[in-house]
Amino acid sequence: MPVGQLHTVARAEELPPGSARAVQVGDREIAVFRCEAGFFATQGKCLHMRGPLGHGRLDGCVLTCPWHGWQYDVRTGENEFDHALALETYEVVVEDGEVKVVL
């Protein structure tokens, strides 16, 4: 059972495999992704220069920030170049076709 409140951010069919989307949940900007491993969510801004991760490109489960090319594994939030750096990640639940983020 998820700890925290569930927030619906999309319908599953609205996020085809390989897609990224920026969403606003309250005062938080979150990026939601669908890769071959499932649905994932991270903070919405890149650690480098706060680029919009929800507008990035997925290759498998690796996200590339659209501004300067920083890359992250959306499953863990880890930066691909420096594993000491990581995005904040959020649990994602899919219920009745709705993608929900736990906050």
N, C-alpha and C. Protein backbone atom coordinates (compact mmCIF):
# COMPACT_ATOMS: atom_id res chain seq x y z
N MET A 1 0.84 -1.18 0.00
CA MET A 1 0.00 0.00 0.00
C MET A 1 0.89 1.24 0.00
N PRO A 2 0.64 2.17 -0.91
CA PRO A 2 1.46 3.39 -0.97
C PRO A 2 1.30 4.24 0.29
N VAL A 3 2.41 4.85 0.70
CA VAL A 3 2.38 5.78 1.81
C VAL A 3 2.32 7.17 1.21
N GLY A 4 1.33 7.96 1.60
CA GLY A 4 1.16 9.29 1.02
C GLY A 4 -0.15 9.36 0.27
N GLN A 5 -0.38 10.50 -0.34
CA GLN A 5 -1.62 10.73 -1.07
C GLN A 5 -1.42 10.46 -2.56
N LEU A 6 -2.41 9.81 -3.18
CA LEU A 6 -2.37 9.52 -4.61
C LEU A 6 -2.92 10.71 -5.39
N HIS A 7 -2.19 11.11 -6.44
CA HIS A 7 -2.60 12.21 -7.31
C HIS A 7 -2.64 11.69 -8.74
N THR A 8 -3.79 11.72 -9.37
CA THR A 8 -3.92 11.29 -10.75
C THR A 8 -3.25 12.31 -11.66
N VAL A 9 -2.34 11.84 -12.53
CA VAL A 9 -1.60 12.75 -13.41
C VAL A 9 -1.85 12.49 -14.89
N ALA A 10 -2.43 11.33 -15.23
CA ALA A 10 -2.69 11.01 -16.64
C ALA A 10 -3.48 9.72 -16.72
N ARG A 11 -4.01 9.47 -17.88
CA ARG A 11 -4.54 8.14 -18.22
C ARG A 11 -3.39 7.36 -18.83
N ALA A 12 -3.34 6.08 -18.59
CA ALA A 12 -2.24 5.25 -19.10
C ALA A 12 -2.10 5.35 -20.61
N GLU A 13 -3.23 5.41 -21.33
CA GLU A 13 -3.15 5.47 -22.79
C GLU A 13 -2.63 6.81 -23.30
N GLU A 14 -2.62 7.83 -22.46
CA GLU A 14 -2.07 9.13 -22.84
C GLU A 14 -0.55 9.16 -22.81
N LEU A 15 0.06 8.14 -22.19
CA LEU A 15 1.52 8.05 -22.09
C LEU A 15 1.99 6.79 -22.81
N PRO A 16 2.20 6.85 -24.11
CA PRO A 16 2.68 5.68 -24.82
C PRO A 16 4.12 5.35 -24.40
N PRO A 17 4.56 4.12 -24.60
CA PRO A 17 5.95 3.77 -24.26
C PRO A 17 6.93 4.74 -24.91
N GLY A 18 7.92 5.17 -24.14
CA GLY A 18 8.93 6.10 -24.64
C GLY A 18 8.56 7.55 -24.46
N SER A 19 7.49 7.82 -23.71
CA SER A 19 7.04 9.21 -23.58
C SER A 19 7.39 9.81 -22.23
N ALA A 20 7.43 11.14 -22.23
CA ALA A 20 7.66 11.94 -21.03
C ALA A 20 6.62 13.05 -21.01
N ARG A 21 6.24 13.46 -19.81
CA ARG A 21 5.24 14.52 -19.68
C ARG A 21 5.51 15.31 -18.41
N ALA A 22 5.38 16.62 -18.51
CA ALA A 22 5.46 17.50 -17.35
C ALA A 22 4.06 17.66 -16.78
N VAL A 23 3.93 17.54 -15.46
CA VAL A 23 2.64 17.73 -14.80
C VAL A 23 2.85 18.58 -13.55
N GLN A 24 1.80 19.26 -13.16
CA GLN A 24 1.81 20.07 -11.95
C GLN A 24 0.92 19.38 -10.93
N VAL A 25 1.46 19.10 -9.76
CA VAL A 25 0.68 18.51 -8.67
C VAL A 25 0.81 19.46 -7.48
N GLY A 26 -0.24 20.21 -7.24
CA GLY A 26 -0.16 21.24 -6.20
C GLY A 26 0.91 22.25 -6.60
N ASP A 27 1.88 22.45 -5.73
CA ASP A 27 2.96 23.39 -6.03
C ASP A 27 4.20 22.70 -6.58
N ARG A 28 4.12 21.41 -6.88
CA ARG A 28 5.27 20.65 -7.39
C ARG A 28 5.16 20.40 -8.89
N GLU A 29 6.28 20.64 -9.58
CA GLU A 29 6.36 20.25 -10.98
C GLU A 29 7.03 18.88 -11.01
N ILE A 30 6.36 17.95 -11.65
CA ILE A 30 6.81 16.57 -11.70
C ILE A 30 6.91 16.13 -13.16
N ALA A 31 7.85 15.25 -13.43
CA ALA A 31 7.96 14.65 -14.75
C ALA A 31 7.53 13.19 -14.64
N VAL A 32 6.67 12.76 -15.54
CA VAL A 32 6.15 11.39 -15.56
C VAL A 32 6.61 10.72 -16.85
N PHE A 33 7.01 9.46 -16.73
CA PHE A 33 7.60 8.75 -17.87
C PHE A 33 6.99 7.36 -18.00
N ARG A 34 7.05 6.85 -19.23
CA ARG A 34 6.71 5.45 -19.47
C ARG A 34 7.81 4.87 -20.34
N CYS A 35 8.52 3.92 -19.77
CA CYS A 35 9.53 3.19 -20.53
C CYS A 35 9.16 1.71 -20.50
N GLU A 36 9.98 0.87 -21.07
CA GLU A 36 9.63 -0.56 -21.15
C GLU A 36 9.47 -1.20 -19.77
N ALA A 37 10.02 -0.59 -18.73
CA ALA A 37 9.92 -1.12 -17.37
C ALA A 37 8.68 -0.63 -16.63
N GLY A 38 7.91 0.28 -17.24
CA GLY A 38 6.69 0.76 -16.60
C GLY A 38 6.61 2.27 -16.52
N PHE A 39 5.85 2.73 -15.54
CA PHE A 39 5.63 4.17 -15.32
C PHE A 39 6.50 4.64 -14.16
N PHE A 40 7.08 5.84 -14.31
CA PHE A 40 7.96 6.40 -13.29
C PHE A 40 7.74 7.89 -13.20
N ALA A 41 8.14 8.48 -12.06
CA ALA A 41 8.01 9.92 -11.88
C ALA A 41 9.22 10.45 -11.11
N THR A 42 9.66 11.65 -11.52
CA THR A 42 10.77 12.32 -10.85
C THR A 42 10.42 13.79 -10.67
N GLN A 43 11.31 14.48 -9.97
CA GLN A 43 11.16 15.94 -9.91
C GLN A 43 11.16 16.46 -11.33
N GLY A 44 10.59 17.63 -11.53
CA GLY A 44 10.41 18.14 -12.88
C GLY A 44 11.58 18.89 -13.47
N LYS A 45 12.55 19.27 -12.65
CA LYS A 45 13.67 20.09 -13.12
C LYS A 45 14.99 19.35 -13.02
N CYS A 46 15.82 19.52 -14.03
CA CYS A 46 17.16 18.93 -14.08
C CYS A 46 18.03 19.50 -12.96
N LEU A 47 18.94 18.70 -12.45
CA LEU A 47 19.85 19.14 -11.40
C LEU A 47 20.89 20.14 -11.91
N HIS A 48 21.11 20.15 -13.21
CA HIS A 48 22.15 21.01 -13.79
C HIS A 48 21.70 22.47 -13.84
N MET A 49 20.79 22.80 -14.72
CA MET A 49 20.34 24.19 -14.88
C MET A 49 18.81 24.28 -14.85
N ARG A 50 18.18 23.29 -14.19
CA ARG A 50 16.73 23.27 -14.00
C ARG A 50 15.95 23.15 -15.31
N GLY A 51 16.52 22.44 -16.26
CA GLY A 51 15.82 22.19 -17.52
C GLY A 51 14.57 21.37 -17.28
N PRO A 52 13.58 21.47 -18.17
CA PRO A 52 12.28 20.80 -18.01
C PRO A 52 12.33 19.32 -18.39
N LEU A 53 12.49 18.45 -17.41
CA LEU A 53 12.66 17.02 -17.68
C LEU A 53 11.44 16.38 -18.33
N GLY A 54 10.26 16.90 -18.09
CA GLY A 54 9.06 16.37 -18.72
C GLY A 54 9.02 16.59 -20.22
N HIS A 55 9.97 17.38 -20.73
CA HIS A 55 10.08 17.61 -22.17
C HIS A 55 11.33 16.93 -22.74
N GLY A 56 11.93 16.06 -21.92
CA GLY A 56 13.14 15.36 -22.35
C GLY A 56 12.83 14.18 -23.26
N ARG A 57 13.89 13.48 -23.66
CA ARG A 57 13.78 12.33 -24.57
C ARG A 57 14.18 11.06 -23.83
N LEU A 58 13.37 10.02 -23.98
CA LEU A 58 13.68 8.73 -23.38
C LEU A 58 14.31 7.80 -24.40
N ASP A 59 15.36 7.11 -23.97
CA ASP A 59 15.97 6.03 -24.74
C ASP A 59 16.02 4.85 -23.79
N GLY A 60 15.10 3.92 -23.98
CA GLY A 60 14.91 2.89 -22.96
C GLY A 60 14.36 3.59 -21.73
N CYS A 61 15.05 3.44 -20.60
CA CYS A 61 14.63 4.13 -19.36
C CYS A 61 15.60 5.25 -18.99
N VAL A 62 16.41 5.68 -19.96
CA VAL A 62 17.35 6.78 -19.73
C VAL A 62 16.78 8.05 -20.35
N LEU A 63 16.62 9.05 -19.50
CA LEU A 63 16.09 10.34 -19.90
C LEU A 63 17.23 11.29 -20.21
N THR A 64 17.11 12.03 -21.30
CA THR A 64 18.07 13.08 -21.64
C THR A 64 17.37 14.43 -21.49
N CYS A 65 17.94 15.29 -20.65
CA CYS A 65 17.39 16.63 -20.46
C CYS A 65 17.47 17.40 -21.78
N PRO A 66 16.41 18.10 -22.15
CA PRO A 66 16.40 18.80 -23.44
C PRO A 66 17.33 20.01 -23.50
N TRP A 67 17.79 20.52 -22.37
CA TRP A 67 18.62 21.73 -22.40
C TRP A 67 20.09 21.44 -22.63
N HIS A 68 20.70 20.59 -21.82
CA HIS A 68 22.15 20.39 -21.92
C HIS A 68 22.57 18.94 -21.95
N GLY A 69 21.61 18.04 -22.12
CA GLY A 69 21.95 16.64 -22.34
C GLY A 69 22.28 15.82 -21.11
N TRP A 70 22.06 16.33 -19.90
CA TRP A 70 22.28 15.50 -18.72
C TRP A 70 21.34 14.31 -18.80
N GLN A 71 21.82 13.15 -18.36
CA GLN A 71 21.03 11.93 -18.48
C GLN A 71 20.78 11.29 -17.11
N TYR A 72 19.58 10.73 -16.99
CA TYR A 72 19.15 10.11 -15.74
C TYR A 72 18.41 8.82 -16.04
N ASP A 73 18.55 7.84 -15.14
CA ASP A 73 17.73 6.63 -15.19
C ASP A 73 16.43 6.96 -14.47
N VAL A 74 15.31 6.94 -15.18
CA VAL A 74 14.05 7.35 -14.57
C VAL A 74 13.57 6.35 -13.51
N ARG A 75 14.10 5.14 -13.52
CA ARG A 75 13.71 4.15 -12.51
C ARG A 75 14.28 4.48 -11.14
N THR A 76 15.48 5.07 -11.11
CA THR A 76 16.17 5.34 -9.85
C THR A 76 16.44 6.82 -9.61
N GLY A 77 16.39 7.62 -10.67
CA GLY A 77 16.74 9.03 -10.58
C GLY A 77 18.23 9.30 -10.70
N GLU A 78 19.05 8.24 -10.74
CA GLU A 78 20.50 8.41 -10.79
C GLU A 78 20.97 9.07 -12.08
N ASN A 79 21.90 10.00 -11.92
CA ASN A 79 22.56 10.63 -13.05
C ASN A 79 23.46 9.59 -13.71
N GLU A 80 23.44 9.51 -15.02
CA GLU A 80 24.22 8.51 -15.74
C GLU A 80 25.73 8.77 -15.70
N PHE A 81 26.14 10.02 -15.46
CA PHE A 81 27.56 10.36 -15.45
C PHE A 81 28.14 10.32 -14.05
N ASP A 82 27.36 10.67 -13.05
CA ASP A 82 27.81 10.75 -11.67
C ASP A 82 26.73 10.16 -10.78
N HIS A 83 26.90 8.92 -10.38
CA HIS A 83 25.87 8.21 -9.60
C HIS A 83 25.66 8.80 -8.21
N ALA A 84 26.52 9.74 -7.79
CA ALA A 84 26.31 10.42 -6.51
C ALA A 84 25.18 11.45 -6.63
N LEU A 85 24.83 11.82 -7.86
CA LEU A 85 23.75 12.78 -8.10
C LEU A 85 22.49 12.01 -8.47
N ALA A 86 21.37 12.41 -7.89
CA ALA A 86 20.12 11.72 -8.22
C ALA A 86 18.94 12.67 -8.08
N LEU A 87 17.99 12.51 -8.99
CA LEU A 87 16.73 13.24 -8.93
C LEU A 87 15.88 12.67 -7.81
N GLU A 88 14.99 13.49 -7.29
CA GLU A 88 13.98 12.98 -6.38
C GLU A 88 13.00 12.16 -7.21
N THR A 89 12.65 10.98 -6.73
CA THR A 89 11.71 10.11 -7.44
C THR A 89 10.45 9.93 -6.60
N TYR A 90 9.38 9.56 -7.28
CA TYR A 90 8.10 9.37 -6.62
C TYR A 90 7.53 8.03 -7.04
N GLU A 91 6.86 7.38 -6.12
CA GLU A 91 6.19 6.12 -6.42
C GLU A 91 5.03 6.39 -7.37
N VAL A 92 4.84 5.48 -8.33
CA VAL A 92 3.74 5.59 -9.29
C VAL A 92 2.88 4.33 -9.18
N VAL A 93 1.58 4.53 -9.18
CA VAL A 93 0.61 3.45 -9.12
C VAL A 93 -0.32 3.61 -10.32
N VAL A 94 -0.66 2.51 -10.97
CA VAL A 94 -1.65 2.54 -12.05
C VAL A 94 -2.88 1.78 -11.57
N GLU A 95 -4.01 2.49 -11.49
CA GLU A 95 -5.27 1.91 -11.04
C GLU A 95 -6.36 2.25 -12.04
N ASP A 96 -7.06 1.24 -12.52
CA ASP A 96 -8.18 1.44 -13.43
C ASP A 96 -7.80 2.34 -14.60
N GLY A 97 -6.58 2.17 -15.12
CA GLY A 97 -6.14 2.95 -16.28
C GLY A 97 -5.65 4.34 -15.97
N GLU A 98 -5.65 4.73 -14.68
CA GLU A 98 -5.16 6.05 -14.28
C GLU A 98 -3.77 5.94 -13.69
N VAL A 99 -2.89 6.83 -14.14
CA VAL A 99 -1.53 6.90 -13.62
C VAL A 99 -1.55 7.87 -12.45
N LYS A 100 -1.11 7.39 -11.28
CA LYS A 100 -1.17 8.19 -10.06
C LYS A 100 0.22 8.26 -9.43
N VAL A 101 0.56 9.45 -8.95
CA VAL A 101 1.83 9.67 -8.26
C VAL A 101 1.55 9.78 -6.78
N VAL A 102 2.39 9.14 -5.97
CA VAL A 102 2.25 9.17 -4.52
C VAL A 102 3.10 10.31 -3.97
N LEU A 103 2.47 11.25 -3.29
CA LEU A 103 3.17 12.38 -2.66
C LEU A 103 2.77 12.45 -1.19
